[in-house]
Amino acid sequence: MSSLVYKIVRRREWETAQRAGCFKGSPDDARDGFIHLSSAAQLRGTFEKHFANQDDLLLVAIESGRLGPALKWEVSRGGENFPHLYGALDVALVDAVVPIAREPDGRPGFPREIP
């Protein structure tokens, strides 16, 4: 059984991806050689570490089983296994894209299924 994996993207990066039909990653992804993804449980930590002071962000959700062998779970931050996508993300494989709004206290407003 597969589960969802997530990517936090800047709106302008996602708009470029939609025009191209694929998301090739952020500058950080390009530097590291893969697209950094997160599980639902890892998402808040990823936001705090890499996106806390940014606005106009989107949350992209993808069923992990659709990504095939290009998706690898590898040890990363804190010794946890994180999903890494080796290759471009076909936008047709994406299940949902939602804006990340700020709660009144400044925290990200993620969908209910995000712990």
N, C-alpha and C. Protein backbone atom coordinates (compact mmCIF):
# COMPACT_ATOMS: atom_id res chain seq x y z
N MET A 1 0.84 -1.19 0.00
CA MET A 1 0.00 0.00 0.00
C MET A 1 0.89 1.25 0.00
N SER A 2 0.56 2.21 -0.81
CA SER A 2 1.32 3.44 -0.92
C SER A 2 0.73 4.51 -0.02
N SER A 3 1.47 5.57 0.14
CA SER A 3 0.99 6.70 0.92
C SER A 3 1.42 7.99 0.22
N LEU A 4 0.87 9.08 0.69
CA LEU A 4 1.21 10.35 0.09
C LEU A 4 2.57 10.84 0.56
N VAL A 5 3.28 11.48 -0.36
CA VAL A 5 4.48 12.23 -0.04
C VAL A 5 4.22 13.66 -0.51
N TYR A 6 4.99 14.58 0.07
CA TYR A 6 4.69 16.00 -0.13
C TYR A 6 5.93 16.78 -0.53
N LYS A 7 5.69 17.86 -1.26
CA LYS A 7 6.73 18.80 -1.62
C LYS A 7 6.19 20.21 -1.36
N ILE A 8 6.95 20.99 -0.62
CA ILE A 8 6.63 22.41 -0.45
C ILE A 8 7.35 23.15 -1.57
N VAL A 9 6.59 23.92 -2.33
CA VAL A 9 7.18 24.65 -3.46
C VAL A 9 6.76 26.12 -3.42
N ARG A 10 7.61 26.93 -3.98
CA ARG A 10 7.26 28.34 -4.18
C ARG A 10 6.30 28.41 -5.38
N ARG A 11 5.33 29.27 -5.27
CA ARG A 11 4.30 29.35 -6.32
C ARG A 11 4.93 29.54 -7.71
N ARG A 12 5.91 30.42 -7.83
CA ARG A 12 6.50 30.69 -9.15
C ARG A 12 7.20 29.44 -9.70
N GLU A 13 7.79 28.61 -8.83
CA GLU A 13 8.42 27.36 -9.28
C GLU A 13 7.36 26.39 -9.81
N TRP A 14 6.22 26.34 -9.12
CA TRP A 14 5.17 25.42 -9.56
C TRP A 14 4.53 25.90 -10.86
N GLU A 15 4.36 27.19 -11.01
CA GLU A 15 3.80 27.73 -12.26
C GLU A 15 4.71 27.39 -13.44
N THR A 16 6.02 27.47 -13.23
CA THR A 16 6.98 27.08 -14.27
C THR A 16 6.84 25.59 -14.58
N ALA A 17 6.69 24.79 -13.54
CA ALA A 17 6.54 23.34 -13.72
C ALA A 17 5.27 23.02 -14.51
N GLN A 18 4.19 23.69 -14.21
CA GLN A 18 2.93 23.43 -14.92
C GLN A 18 3.08 23.73 -16.41
N ARG A 19 3.75 24.82 -16.74
CA ARG A 19 3.95 25.15 -18.16
C ARG A 19 4.82 24.10 -18.85
N ALA A 20 5.80 23.59 -18.14
CA ALA A 20 6.74 22.61 -18.71
C ALA A 20 6.19 21.18 -18.67
N GLY A 21 5.21 20.93 -17.80
CA GLY A 21 4.68 19.58 -17.65
C GLY A 21 5.44 18.74 -16.64
N CYS A 22 6.51 19.31 -16.07
CA CYS A 22 7.26 18.58 -15.05
C CYS A 22 7.96 19.56 -14.12
N PHE A 23 8.15 19.10 -12.89
CA PHE A 23 8.86 19.88 -11.89
C PHE A 23 10.25 19.28 -11.76
N LYS A 24 11.25 20.10 -12.06
CA LYS A 24 12.64 19.62 -12.02
C LYS A 24 13.30 19.91 -10.69
N GLY A 25 12.58 20.56 -9.79
CA GLY A 25 13.09 20.80 -8.45
C GLY A 25 13.47 22.24 -8.22
N SER A 26 13.70 22.54 -6.97
CA SER A 26 14.15 23.86 -6.54
C SER A 26 15.66 23.95 -6.72
N PRO A 27 16.24 25.12 -6.50
CA PRO A 27 17.71 25.21 -6.54
C PRO A 27 18.38 24.26 -5.54
N ASP A 28 17.79 24.09 -4.36
CA ASP A 28 18.35 23.14 -3.39
C ASP A 28 18.28 21.71 -3.91
N ASP A 29 17.19 21.36 -4.57
CA ASP A 29 17.06 20.03 -5.15
C ASP A 29 18.13 19.81 -6.22
N ALA A 30 18.31 20.80 -7.08
CA ALA A 30 19.31 20.69 -8.14
C ALA A 30 20.71 20.51 -7.55
N ARG A 31 21.00 21.24 -6.49
CA ARG A 31 22.31 21.12 -5.82
C ARG A 31 22.53 19.70 -5.30
N ASP A 32 21.47 19.10 -4.74
CA ASP A 32 21.61 17.79 -4.10
C ASP A 32 21.41 16.61 -5.05
N GLY A 33 20.88 16.86 -6.24
CA GLY A 33 20.75 15.80 -7.23
C GLY A 33 19.46 15.00 -7.15
N PHE A 34 18.50 15.47 -6.36
CA PHE A 34 17.20 14.81 -6.26
C PHE A 34 16.19 15.81 -5.72
N ILE A 35 14.90 15.49 -5.87
CA ILE A 35 13.85 16.34 -5.34
C ILE A 35 13.55 15.88 -3.92
N HIS A 36 13.72 16.81 -2.99
CA HIS A 36 13.44 16.54 -1.58
C HIS A 36 11.93 16.47 -1.37
N LEU A 37 11.45 15.39 -0.80
CA LEU A 37 10.05 15.23 -0.45
C LEU A 37 9.97 14.96 1.05
N SER A 38 8.77 14.95 1.58
CA SER A 38 8.55 14.65 3.00
C SER A 38 7.31 13.79 3.15
N SER A 39 7.30 12.97 4.19
CA SER A 39 6.08 12.27 4.58
C SER A 39 5.21 13.27 5.34
N ALA A 40 3.99 12.90 5.63
CA ALA A 40 3.10 13.78 6.39
C ALA A 40 3.72 14.12 7.75
N ALA A 41 4.30 13.14 8.41
CA ALA A 41 4.88 13.35 9.74
C ALA A 41 6.12 14.25 9.70
N GLN A 42 6.79 14.34 8.58
CA GLN A 42 8.02 15.13 8.45
C GLN A 42 7.76 16.55 7.95
N LEU A 43 6.57 16.81 7.48
CA LEU A 43 6.28 18.04 6.77
C LEU A 43 6.47 19.31 7.61
N ARG A 44 5.99 19.31 8.82
CA ARG A 44 6.13 20.51 9.67
C ARG A 44 7.61 20.82 9.93
N GLY A 45 8.41 19.81 10.20
CA GLY A 45 9.84 20.02 10.41
C GLY A 45 10.52 20.58 9.18
N THR A 46 10.14 20.08 8.01
CA THR A 46 10.69 20.59 6.76
C THR A 46 10.31 22.05 6.57
N PHE A 47 9.05 22.37 6.86
CA PHE A 47 8.61 23.75 6.72
C PHE A 47 9.43 24.66 7.64
N GLU A 48 9.55 24.28 8.90
CA GLU A 48 10.26 25.11 9.87
C GLU A 48 11.73 25.29 9.50
N LYS A 49 12.37 24.24 9.02
CA LYS A 49 13.79 24.31 8.70
C LYS A 49 14.08 25.10 7.42
N HIS A 50 13.23 24.96 6.41
CA HIS A 50 13.55 25.51 5.09
C HIS A 50 12.63 26.62 4.58
N PHE A 51 11.43 26.76 5.15
CA PHE A 51 10.44 27.68 4.57
C PHE A 51 9.78 28.62 5.57
N ALA A 52 10.22 28.63 6.82
CA ALA A 52 9.53 29.37 7.89
C ALA A 52 9.33 30.85 7.58
N ASN A 53 10.26 31.46 6.89
CA ASN A 53 10.18 32.90 6.64
C ASN A 53 9.73 33.23 5.22
N GLN A 54 9.12 32.27 4.57
CA GLN A 54 8.69 32.49 3.19
C GLN A 54 7.16 32.46 3.08
N ASP A 55 6.67 33.18 2.12
CA ASP A 55 5.23 33.19 1.83
C ASP A 55 5.02 32.76 0.39
N ASP A 56 3.75 32.67 0.00
CA ASP A 56 3.36 32.28 -1.35
C ASP A 56 3.86 30.88 -1.69
N LEU A 57 3.62 29.97 -0.73
CA LEU A 57 4.04 28.58 -0.88
C LEU A 57 2.85 27.69 -1.17
N LEU A 58 3.14 26.58 -1.84
CA LEU A 58 2.13 25.57 -2.16
C LEU A 58 2.57 24.23 -1.60
N LEU A 59 1.59 23.41 -1.27
CA LEU A 59 1.85 22.05 -0.84
C LEU A 59 1.38 21.11 -1.96
N VAL A 60 2.33 20.34 -2.47
CA VAL A 60 2.06 19.40 -3.55
C VAL A 60 2.02 18.00 -2.94
N ALA A 61 0.95 17.26 -3.21
CA ALA A 61 0.79 15.90 -2.68
C ALA A 61 0.81 14.90 -3.82
N ILE A 62 1.58 13.81 -3.62
CA ILE A 62 1.72 12.78 -4.66
C ILE A 62 1.62 11.41 -4.00
N GLU A 63 0.85 10.53 -4.59
CA GLU A 63 0.79 9.14 -4.14
C GLU A 63 2.15 8.52 -4.42
N SER A 64 2.84 8.07 -3.39
CA SER A 64 4.22 7.59 -3.56
C SER A 64 4.34 6.44 -4.54
N GLY A 65 3.35 5.58 -4.61
CA GLY A 65 3.40 4.44 -5.52
C GLY A 65 3.47 4.82 -6.99
N ARG A 66 3.00 6.01 -7.33
CA ARG A 66 3.04 6.49 -8.72
C ARG A 66 4.45 6.87 -9.17
N LEU A 67 5.34 7.07 -8.21
CA LEU A 67 6.68 7.57 -8.55
C LEU A 67 7.65 6.46 -8.94
N GLY A 68 7.27 5.21 -8.71
CA GLY A 68 8.08 4.08 -9.15
C GLY A 68 9.46 4.04 -8.51
N PRO A 69 10.40 3.41 -9.20
CA PRO A 69 11.73 3.21 -8.63
C PRO A 69 12.56 4.49 -8.51
N ALA A 70 12.10 5.59 -9.08
CA ALA A 70 12.82 6.86 -8.93
C ALA A 70 12.71 7.41 -7.51
N LEU A 71 11.73 6.90 -6.74
CA LEU A 71 11.56 7.33 -5.36
C LEU A 71 12.38 6.43 -4.45
N LYS A 72 13.26 7.04 -3.69
CA LYS A 72 14.11 6.31 -2.75
C LYS A 72 13.91 6.90 -1.36
N TRP A 73 13.81 6.03 -0.37
CA TRP A 73 13.74 6.48 1.02
C TRP A 73 15.15 6.37 1.58
N GLU A 74 15.71 7.53 1.95
CA GLU A 74 17.11 7.58 2.37
C GLU A 74 17.27 8.33 3.68
N VAL A 75 18.27 7.94 4.44
CA VAL A 75 18.55 8.58 5.71
C VAL A 75 18.95 10.03 5.47
N SER A 76 18.33 10.91 6.24
CA SER A 76 18.61 12.34 6.11
C SER A 76 18.53 12.97 7.49
N ARG A 77 17.89 14.11 7.58
CA ARG A 77 17.82 14.89 8.82
C ARG A 77 17.43 14.04 10.03
N GLY A 78 18.25 14.12 11.07
CA GLY A 78 17.95 13.41 12.32
C GLY A 78 17.97 11.90 12.20
N GLY A 79 18.60 11.37 11.17
CA GLY A 79 18.65 9.93 10.99
C GLY A 79 17.37 9.31 10.46
N GLU A 80 16.39 10.14 10.09
CA GLU A 80 15.12 9.65 9.55
C GLU A 80 15.24 9.34 8.07
N ASN A 81 14.44 8.39 7.61
CA ASN A 81 14.33 8.11 6.18
C ASN A 81 13.37 9.11 5.55
N PHE A 82 13.88 9.84 4.56
CA PHE A 82 13.07 10.81 3.83
C PHE A 82 12.91 10.33 2.39
N PRO A 83 11.77 10.66 1.76
CA PRO A 83 11.59 10.33 0.35
C PRO A 83 12.35 11.30 -0.55
N HIS A 84 13.14 10.75 -1.45
CA HIS A 84 13.89 11.54 -2.43
C HIS A 84 13.52 11.04 -3.82
N LEU A 85 13.19 11.96 -4.70
CA LEU A 85 12.83 11.60 -6.06
C LEU A 85 13.99 11.91 -6.99
N TYR A 86 14.52 10.86 -7.60
CA TYR A 86 15.63 11.00 -8.55
C TYR A 86 15.06 11.12 -9.95
N GLY A 87 14.89 12.34 -10.38
CA GLY A 87 14.31 12.63 -11.68
C GLY A 87 13.25 13.70 -11.53
N ALA A 88 12.73 14.15 -12.64
CA ALA A 88 11.69 15.18 -12.63
C ALA A 88 10.35 14.59 -12.21
N LEU A 89 9.52 15.43 -11.64
CA LEU A 89 8.17 15.04 -11.23
C LEU A 89 7.20 15.43 -12.32
N ASP A 90 6.58 14.45 -12.94
CA ASP A 90 5.54 14.69 -13.96
C ASP A 90 4.33 15.31 -13.24
N VAL A 91 3.91 16.49 -13.63
CA VAL A 91 2.81 17.15 -12.94
C VAL A 91 1.51 16.37 -13.06
N ALA A 92 1.39 15.50 -14.05
CA ALA A 92 0.19 14.68 -14.20
C ALA A 92 0.06 13.65 -13.06
N LEU A 93 1.15 13.36 -12.35
CA LEU A 93 1.12 12.39 -11.26
C LEU A 93 0.67 13.01 -9.93
N VAL A 94 0.53 14.31 -9.90
CA VAL A 94 0.22 15.01 -8.65
C VAL A 94 -1.26 14.85 -8.30
N ASP A 95 -1.51 14.52 -7.04
CA ASP A 95 -2.88 14.35 -6.56
C ASP A 95 -3.54 15.66 -6.17
N ALA A 96 -2.78 16.56 -5.56
CA ALA A 96 -3.36 17.82 -5.10
C ALA A 96 -2.27 18.87 -4.95
N VAL A 97 -2.68 20.11 -5.16
CA VAL A 97 -1.83 21.27 -4.91
C VAL A 97 -2.68 22.27 -4.15
N VAL A 98 -2.26 22.63 -2.95
CA VAL A 98 -3.03 23.58 -2.15
C VAL A 98 -2.11 24.67 -1.61
N PRO A 99 -2.62 25.89 -1.51
CA PRO A 99 -1.82 26.97 -0.92
C PRO A 99 -1.58 26.68 0.56
N ILE A 100 -0.42 27.09 1.04
CA ILE A 100 -0.12 27.01 2.47
C ILE A 100 -0.39 28.39 3.05
N ALA A 101 -1.52 28.51 3.70
CA ALA A 101 -1.90 29.77 4.34
C ALA A 101 -1.33 29.80 5.75
N ARG A 102 -1.17 30.97 6.28
CA ARG A 102 -0.69 31.13 7.66
C ARG A 102 -1.88 31.18 8.62
N GLU A 103 -1.73 30.46 9.72
CA GLU A 103 -2.70 30.56 10.81
C GLU A 103 -2.48 31.90 11.50
N PRO A 104 -3.43 32.36 12.33
CA PRO A 104 -3.24 33.64 13.03
C PRO A 104 -1.95 33.71 13.86
N ASP A 105 -1.48 32.56 14.34
CA ASP A 105 -0.25 32.55 15.14
C ASP A 105 1.02 32.45 14.28
N GLY A 106 0.85 32.44 12.93
CA GLY A 106 1.98 32.39 12.02
C GLY A 106 2.38 31.01 11.56
N ARG A 107 1.83 29.97 12.19
CA ARG A 107 2.15 28.61 11.77
C ARG A 107 1.51 28.31 10.42
N PRO A 108 2.07 27.33 9.69
CA PRO A 108 1.48 26.99 8.39
C PRO A 108 0.14 26.29 8.57
N GLY A 109 -0.80 26.62 7.72
CA GLY A 109 -2.12 25.98 7.75
C GLY A 109 -2.15 24.81 6.80
N PHE A 110 -1.71 23.65 7.28
CA PHE A 110 -1.71 22.44 6.47
C PHE A 110 -3.08 21.76 6.52
N PRO A 111 -3.37 20.90 5.55
CA PRO A 111 -4.60 20.11 5.59
C PRO A 111 -4.68 19.27 6.88
N ARG A 112 -5.88 18.90 7.28
CA ARG A 112 -6.10 18.16 8.53
C ARG A 112 -5.28 16.88 8.66
N GLU A 113 -5.00 16.21 7.54
CA GLU A 113 -4.28 14.94 7.63
C GLU A 113 -2.80 15.08 7.96
N ILE A 114 -2.31 16.30 8.01
CA ILE A 114 -0.91 16.54 8.37
C ILE A 114 -0.83 16.72 9.89
N PRO A 115 -0.07 15.84 10.56
CA PRO A 115 -0.01 15.94 12.04
C PRO A 115 0.66 17.22 12.51
